[in-house]
Each structure stands twice: as structure tokens, then as C-alpha cells.
Amino acid sequence: MTQHHRLLGSLLLIGGLLLLPGAAGAQELYTYSVGLLGGIGGSFDANPGGSLTNQSFQLNLGMVTEPHTQVILRAGKLALDKDNLFGSLSNANLDYLTIGGEYRARQAFWDSGLYLALGGYRLYGEQASGRDRRETSVGLAVGATGELPITRHFAVLAEISGHYIHFREAQFFGMGHAGFAFHF
């Protein structure tokens, strides 16, 4: 079974879980959410390649499980190509898929949140010899979110996150994203 088939199977399983009715739908204004975000990020300990202004994008799929609590699947890509090299790799990229719990607190005009997630990460790029190199690992993500509701079904979303991943090239990554969330 190839890695693409396993990833597709995992996404289908998560998608199936999201189709189940939310336990706390009556207490919240929505049960499901989809977020589309763009941002920047990088590694704190890559040498060379420690730029934190690499472009990234992220897709969030969330489901309310209890009042003020969500399970969120985050899938994204961080292009590590701002510097010519990321460690020993050129044209490096980091793909990730995390799942975790987020606790939200209502403020006067916005919601704030903290999350903890486990994930799968893949770092890939080209070595100086011209050969492709891929490395896959599990990791841990922590983050903070802020959401400004515009309507009942639409909001502006921002988040910052830190990731620990045991790769040869680097272990500590940080990202900042902003975008839109759709609730239903």
C-alpha cells in the first residue's frame, strides 16, 4: 500500500467522522467548520535555512464535541525555499496533517482558543547530488487561535503554532496563519 493510499484512507476516515452529528450542536451556533488560511513560517533551528518568512497554507476541518471544545484536523504545506538551502536540501517543503483538541473562550467581540495536536509530517527536497530525499515523522503541535465572527456562518481566523518534529535537518518549526472560517 503506497503512502498516498494510506493518506487518502486516513482522510476518508476523518471525513466520515465529521459527517456524524455533533454532540453539542444545540449549545453552539454551529457544529462543523472549515477554515482556509495562508501564512508564513519556518524552522527555528535549521542551519542554513532558518528563515521564518516562508509561505504556507492550511486547511482546517473542525467539529464541535462539547461547548467551547472542538476536534480539528489541520492539513497544510510549508514551502521551505526562502533561503537557497534548508539544511542540506534545496527546494524543501514540509507537508503536515495534525489532529487535536481546541478549547475556545468567548471574549466580548471574538473567540480565543488554545490547541494541542498530534500529527504526521513529511519533509522533502533535493540533495546537492540531485537526488530527492524524503523524511517522515510524527510530531506535536501547540497553538493559539483568534476568531472574529462576521456573520453566523463566516469569520476571520488567525492562529500561531509551534511544532516539534524529530527530523535530521531541524526539529522546531513555527507558523502564523490568517484566513477565513465557514461554519455550518
C-alpha atoms as a PDB file:
ATOM      1  CA  MET A   1       0.000   0.000   0.000  1.00  0.00           C
ATOM      2  CA  THR A   2       1.515   3.341  -1.004  1.00  0.00           C
ATOM      3  CA  GLN A   3       1.742   6.361   1.246  1.00  0.00           C
ATOM      4  CA  HIS A   4      -0.830   8.163  -0.920  1.00  0.00           C
ATOM      5  CA  HIS A   5      -3.369   5.371  -0.367  1.00  0.00           C
ATOM      6  CA  ARG A   6      -2.801   5.473   3.396  1.00  0.00           C
ATOM      7  CA  LEU A   7      -3.191   9.258   3.422  1.00  0.00           C
ATOM      8  CA  LEU A   8      -6.375   9.013   1.338  1.00  0.00           C
ATOM      9  CA  GLY A   9      -7.729   6.322   3.673  1.00  0.00           C
ATOM     10  CA  SER A  10      -6.974   8.484   6.710  1.00  0.00           C
ATOM     11  CA  LEU A  11      -8.677  11.494   5.147  1.00  0.00           C
ATOM     12  CA  LEU A  12     -11.756   9.427   4.267  1.00  0.00           C
ATOM     13  CA  LEU A  13     -11.937   8.110   7.834  1.00  0.00           C
ATOM     14  CA  ILE A  14     -11.700  11.625   9.275  1.00  0.00           C
ATOM     15  CA  GLY A  15     -14.246  12.857   6.725  1.00  0.00           C
ATOM     16  CA  GLY A  16     -16.618  10.084   7.787  1.00  0.00           C
ATOM     17  CA  LEU A  17     -16.250  11.079  11.414  1.00  0.00           C
ATOM     18  CA  LEU A  18     -17.071  14.664  10.517  1.00  0.00           C
ATOM     19  CA  LEU A  19     -20.338  13.515   8.956  1.00  0.00           C
ATOM     20  CA  LEU A  20     -21.531  12.198  12.311  1.00  0.00           C
ATOM     21  CA  PRO A  21     -23.827  14.589  14.147  1.00  0.00           C
ATOM     22  CA  GLY A  22     -22.078  16.845  16.647  1.00  0.00           C
ATOM     23  CA  ALA A  23     -22.866  16.117  20.281  1.00  0.00           C
ATOM     24  CA  ALA A  24     -23.006  19.779  21.203  1.00  0.00           C
ATOM     25  CA  GLY A  25     -24.712  21.252  18.156  1.00  0.00           C
ATOM     26  CA  ALA A  26     -27.602  22.632  20.218  1.00  0.00           C
ATOM     27  CA  GLN A  27     -25.262  24.534  22.574  1.00  0.00           C
ATOM     28  CA  GLU A  28     -23.125  26.157  19.861  1.00  0.00           C
ATOM     29  CA  LEU A  29     -24.122  28.269  16.871  1.00  0.00           C
ATOM     30  CA  TYR A  30     -22.559  25.689  14.550  1.00  0.00           C
ATOM     31  CA  THR A  31     -21.415  22.056  14.547  1.00  0.00           C
ATOM     32  CA  TYR A  32     -18.820  21.976  11.762  1.00  0.00           C
ATOM     33  CA  SER A  33     -16.260  24.465  10.497  1.00  0.00           C
ATOM     34  CA  VAL A  34     -13.915  24.750   7.544  1.00  0.00           C
ATOM     35  CA  GLY A  35     -11.001  27.168   7.605  1.00  0.00           C
ATOM     36  CA  LEU A  36      -8.845  28.310   4.674  1.00  0.00           C
ATOM     37  CA  LEU A  37      -5.657  30.063   5.756  1.00  0.00           C
ATOM     38  CA  GLY A  38      -2.431  31.399   4.305  1.00  0.00           C
ATOM     39  CA  GLY A  39       0.636  32.437   6.204  1.00  0.00           C
ATOM     40  CA  ILE A  40       4.334  32.298   6.892  1.00  0.00           C
ATOM     41  CA  GLY A  41       6.640  30.067   8.886  1.00  0.00           C
ATOM     42  CA  GLY A  42       9.895  28.232   9.113  1.00  0.00           C
ATOM     43  CA  SER A  43      12.332  26.486  11.393  1.00  0.00           C
ATOM     44  CA  PHE A  44      13.988  27.987  14.443  1.00  0.00           C
ATOM     45  CA  ASP A  45      16.949  25.607  14.335  1.00  0.00           C
ATOM     46  CA  ALA A  46      17.715  24.898  10.651  1.00  0.00           C
ATOM     47  CA  ASN A  47      21.230  25.821   9.574  1.00  0.00           C
ATOM     48  CA  PRO A  48      21.193  27.065   6.859  1.00  0.00           C
ATOM     49  CA  GLY A  49      17.533  27.816   6.140  1.00  0.00           C
ATOM     50  CA  GLY A  50      16.335  29.438   9.353  1.00  0.00           C
ATOM     51  CA  SER A  51      14.061  31.948   7.611  1.00  0.00           C
ATOM     52  CA  LEU A  52      10.635  32.343   9.249  1.00  0.00           C
ATOM     53  CA  THR A  53       9.092  34.066   6.207  1.00  0.00           C
ATOM     54  CA  ASN A  54       8.466  31.003   4.034  1.00  0.00           C
ATOM     55  CA  GLN A  55       4.973  30.842   2.517  1.00  0.00           C
ATOM     56  CA  SER A  56       2.426  28.338   3.793  1.00  0.00           C
ATOM     57  CA  PHE A  57      -1.225  27.416   3.502  1.00  0.00           C
ATOM     58  CA  GLN A  58      -3.502  25.379   5.731  1.00  0.00           C
ATOM     59  CA  LEU A  59      -6.947  23.786   5.643  1.00  0.00           C
ATOM     60  CA  ASN A  60      -8.831  23.296   8.931  1.00  0.00           C
ATOM     61  CA  LEU A  61     -11.748  20.872   9.329  1.00  0.00           C
ATOM     62  CA  GLY A  62     -13.407  21.083  12.724  1.00  0.00           C
ATOM     63  CA  MET A  63     -16.272  19.587  14.662  1.00  0.00           C
ATOM     64  CA  VAL A  64     -17.734  20.815  17.949  1.00  0.00           C
ATOM     65  CA  THR A  65     -17.632  17.991  20.505  1.00  0.00           C
ATOM     66  CA  GLU A  66     -18.712  19.863  23.649  1.00  0.00           C
ATOM     67  CA  PRO A  67     -19.462  23.505  24.418  1.00  0.00           C
ATOM     68  CA  HIS A  68     -16.308  25.560  23.735  1.00  0.00           C
ATOM     69  CA  THR A  69     -14.412  22.427  22.598  1.00  0.00           C
ATOM     70  CA  GLN A  70     -13.583  21.281  19.080  1.00  0.00           C
ATOM     71  CA  VAL A  71     -11.670  18.492  17.383  1.00  0.00           C
ATOM     72  CA  ILE A  72      -9.791  19.987  14.441  1.00  0.00           C
ATOM     73  CA  LEU A  73      -7.928  18.338  11.587  1.00  0.00           C
ATOM     74  CA  ARG A  74      -5.294  20.669  10.139  1.00  0.00           C
ATOM     75  CA  ALA A  75      -3.611  19.877   6.811  1.00  0.00           C
ATOM     76  CA  GLY A  76      -1.011  22.154   5.303  1.00  0.00           C
ATOM     77  CA  LYS A  77       2.154  22.802   3.398  1.00  0.00           C
ATOM     78  CA  LEU A  78       5.113  24.993   4.302  1.00  0.00           C
ATOM     79  CA  ALA A  79       7.487  25.838   1.439  1.00  0.00           C
ATOM     80  CA  LEU A  80      10.983  25.997   2.954  1.00  0.00           C
ATOM     81  CA  ASP A  81      12.561  27.718  -0.040  1.00  0.00           C
ATOM     82  CA  LYS A  82      13.045  31.325   1.130  1.00  0.00           C
ATOM     83  CA  ASP A  83      16.752  30.601   1.652  1.00  0.00           C
ATOM     84  CA  ASN A  84      18.655  28.703  -1.039  1.00  0.00           C
ATOM     85  CA  LEU A  85      19.092  25.719   1.273  1.00  0.00           C
ATOM     86  CA  PHE A  86      17.145  24.203   4.144  1.00  0.00           C
ATOM     87  CA  GLY A  87      19.839  22.216   5.936  1.00  0.00           C
ATOM     88  CA  SER A  88      21.260  20.066   3.153  1.00  0.00           C
ATOM     89  CA  LEU A  89      18.114  20.299   0.972  1.00  0.00           C
ATOM     90  CA  SER A  90      17.137  22.666  -1.803  1.00  0.00           C
ATOM     91  CA  ASN A  91      13.511  23.273  -2.836  1.00  0.00           C
ATOM     92  CA  ALA A  92      12.425  21.819   0.504  1.00  0.00           C
ATOM     93  CA  ASN A  93       8.800  21.506   1.592  1.00  0.00           C
ATOM     94  CA  LEU A  94       7.044  20.372   4.764  1.00  0.00           C
ATOM     95  CA  ASP A  95       3.625  18.700   4.467  1.00  0.00           C
ATOM     96  CA  TYR A  96       1.639  18.014   7.618  1.00  0.00           C
ATOM     97  CA  LEU A  97      -1.614  16.580   8.893  1.00  0.00           C
ATOM     98  CA  THR A  98      -2.487  17.082  12.567  1.00  0.00           C
ATOM     99  CA  ILE A  99      -5.499  16.251  14.685  1.00  0.00           C
ATOM    100  CA  GLY A 100      -6.132  17.699  18.104  1.00  0.00           C
ATOM    101  CA  GLY A 101      -8.432  19.336  20.572  1.00  0.00           C
ATOM    102  CA  GLU A 102      -9.022  23.061  20.830  1.00  0.00           C
ATOM    103  CA  TYR A 103     -10.575  24.837  23.780  1.00  0.00           C
ATOM    104  CA  ARG A 104     -12.318  28.132  22.950  1.00  0.00           C
ATOM    105  CA  ALA A 105     -13.203  31.023  25.254  1.00  0.00           C
ATOM    106  CA  ARG A 106     -15.674  33.719  24.261  1.00  0.00           C
ATOM    107  CA  GLN A 107     -14.470  37.303  24.539  1.00  0.00           C
ATOM    108  CA  ALA A 108     -16.538  40.470  24.040  1.00  0.00           C
ATOM    109  CA  PHE A 109     -16.166  40.566  20.230  1.00  0.00           C
ATOM    110  CA  TRP A 110     -14.125  37.483  19.371  1.00  0.00           C
ATOM    111  CA  ASP A 111     -13.250  33.925  20.427  1.00  0.00           C
ATOM    112  CA  SER A 112      -9.802  32.877  21.584  1.00  0.00           C
ATOM    113  CA  GLY A 113      -8.536  29.307  21.600  1.00  0.00           C
ATOM    114  CA  LEU A 114      -5.652  27.073  22.613  1.00  0.00           C
ATOM    115  CA  TYR A 115      -4.943  23.735  20.995  1.00  0.00           C
ATOM    116  CA  LEU A 116      -2.739  20.680  21.304  1.00  0.00           C
ATOM    117  CA  ALA A 117      -2.388  18.247  18.403  1.00  0.00           C
ATOM    118  CA  LEU A 118      -0.516  15.168  17.229  1.00  0.00           C
ATOM    119  CA  GLY A 119       0.463  14.894  13.605  1.00  0.00           C
ATOM    120  CA  GLY A 120       2.284  13.306  10.758  1.00  0.00           C
ATOM    121  CA  TYR A 121       4.912  15.377   8.966  1.00  0.00           C
ATOM    122  CA  ARG A 122       6.845  14.849   5.728  1.00  0.00           C
ATOM    123  CA  LEU A 123       9.950  16.870   4.848  1.00  0.00           C
ATOM    124  CA  TYR A 124      11.207  16.519   1.303  1.00  0.00           C
ATOM    125  CA  GLY A 125      13.605  18.254  -1.036  1.00  0.00           C
ATOM    126  CA  GLU A 126      16.577  17.777  -3.315  1.00  0.00           C
ATOM    127  CA  GLN A 127      20.080  16.926  -2.116  1.00  0.00           C
ATOM    128  CA  ALA A 128      23.207  18.511  -3.634  1.00  0.00           C
ATOM    129  CA  SER A 129      23.727  15.303  -5.635  1.00  0.00           C
ATOM    130  CA  GLY A 130      20.389  15.908  -7.389  1.00  0.00           C
ATOM    131  CA  ARG A 131      18.634  13.019  -5.655  1.00  0.00           C
ATOM    132  CA  ASP A 132      15.322  13.531  -3.908  1.00  0.00           C
ATOM    133  CA  ARG A 133      15.179  12.902  -0.180  1.00  0.00           C
ATOM    134  CA  ARG A 134      12.074  12.382   1.951  1.00  0.00           C
ATOM    135  CA  GLU A 135      11.779  12.054   5.689  1.00  0.00           C
ATOM    136  CA  THR A 136       8.566  11.278   7.584  1.00  0.00           C
ATOM    137  CA  SER A 137       7.974  11.627  11.324  1.00  0.00           C
ATOM    138  CA  VAL A 138       5.297  12.127  13.936  1.00  0.00           C
ATOM    139  CA  GLY A 139       5.223  15.375  15.851  1.00  0.00           C
ATOM    140  CA  LEU A 140       3.474  17.564  18.366  1.00  0.00           C
ATOM    141  CA  ALA A 141       1.824  20.939  17.712  1.00  0.00           C
ATOM    142  CA  VAL A 142       0.630  23.627  20.134  1.00  0.00           C
ATOM    143  CA  GLY A 143      -1.080  26.826  19.128  1.00  0.00           C
ATOM    144  CA  ALA A 144      -3.304  29.760  19.863  1.00  0.00           C
ATOM    145  CA  THR A 145      -6.209  30.962  17.741  1.00  0.00           C
ATOM    146  CA  GLY A 146      -8.365  34.050  17.490  1.00  0.00           C
ATOM    147  CA  GLU A 147     -11.625  34.223  15.582  1.00  0.00           C
ATOM    148  CA  LEU A 148     -13.652  37.335  14.784  1.00  0.00           C
ATOM    149  CA  PRO A 149     -17.228  36.441  13.754  1.00  0.00           C
ATOM    150  CA  ILE A 150     -18.546  38.480  10.818  1.00  0.00           C
ATOM    151  CA  THR A 151     -21.849  36.598  10.428  1.00  0.00           C
ATOM    152  CA  ARG A 152     -23.252  33.426  11.982  1.00  0.00           C
ATOM    153  CA  HIS A 153     -21.579  31.343   9.250  1.00  0.00           C
ATOM    154  CA  PHE A 154     -18.455  33.374   8.403  1.00  0.00           C
ATOM    155  CA  ALA A 155     -15.471  34.566  10.460  1.00  0.00           C
ATOM    156  CA  VAL A 156     -11.917  35.864  10.162  1.00  0.00           C
ATOM    157  CA  LEU A 157      -9.474  33.397  11.752  1.00  0.00           C
ATOM    158  CA  ALA A 158      -5.835  33.821  12.834  1.00  0.00           C
ATOM    159  CA  GLU A 159      -3.524  31.340  14.521  1.00  0.00           C
ATOM    160  CA  ILE A 160       0.064  30.866  15.574  1.00  0.00           C
ATOM    161  CA  SER A 161       1.594  27.456  16.176  1.00  0.00           C
ATOM    162  CA  GLY A 162       4.770  25.740  17.242  1.00  0.00           C
ATOM    163  CA  HIS A 163       5.692  22.249  16.076  1.00  0.00           C
ATOM    164  CA  TYR A 164       8.216  19.739  17.400  1.00  0.00           C
ATOM    165  CA  ILE A 165       9.205  17.123  14.815  1.00  0.00           C
ATOM    166  CA  HIS A 166      12.217  14.836  15.017  1.00  0.00           C
ATOM    167  CA  PHE A 167      13.859  15.404  11.589  1.00  0.00           C
ATOM    168  CA  ARG A 168      17.565  15.316  10.769  1.00  0.00           C
ATOM    169  CA  GLU A 169      17.526  18.825   9.268  1.00  0.00           C
ATOM    170  CA  ALA A 170      15.534  20.617  12.022  1.00  0.00           C
ATOM    171  CA  GLN A 171      13.189  19.906  14.931  1.00  0.00           C
ATOM    172  CA  PHE A 172      11.438  23.172  15.869  1.00  0.00           C
ATOM    173  CA  PHE A 173       9.067  24.924  13.491  1.00  0.00           C
ATOM    174  CA  GLY A 174       6.770  27.924  13.891  1.00  0.00           C
ATOM    175  CA  MET A 175       3.915  29.191  11.716  1.00  0.00           C
ATOM    176  CA  GLY A 176       1.454  32.054  11.644  1.00  0.00           C
ATOM    177  CA  HIS A 177      -1.719  31.874   9.566  1.00  0.00           C
ATOM    178  CA  ALA A 178      -4.704  34.092   8.826  1.00  0.00           C
ATOM    179  CA  GLY A 179      -7.772  33.449   6.730  1.00  0.00           C
ATOM    180  CA  PHE A 180     -11.456  32.691   6.812  1.00  0.00           C
ATOM    181  CA  ALA A 181     -13.633  30.181   8.629  1.00  0.00           C
ATOM    182  CA  PHE A 182     -17.010  28.928   7.417  1.00  0.00           C
ATOM    183  CA  HIS A 183     -19.407  27.434   9.980  1.00  0.00           C
ATOM    184  CA  PHE A 184     -22.413  25.221   9.398  1.00  0.00           C
END
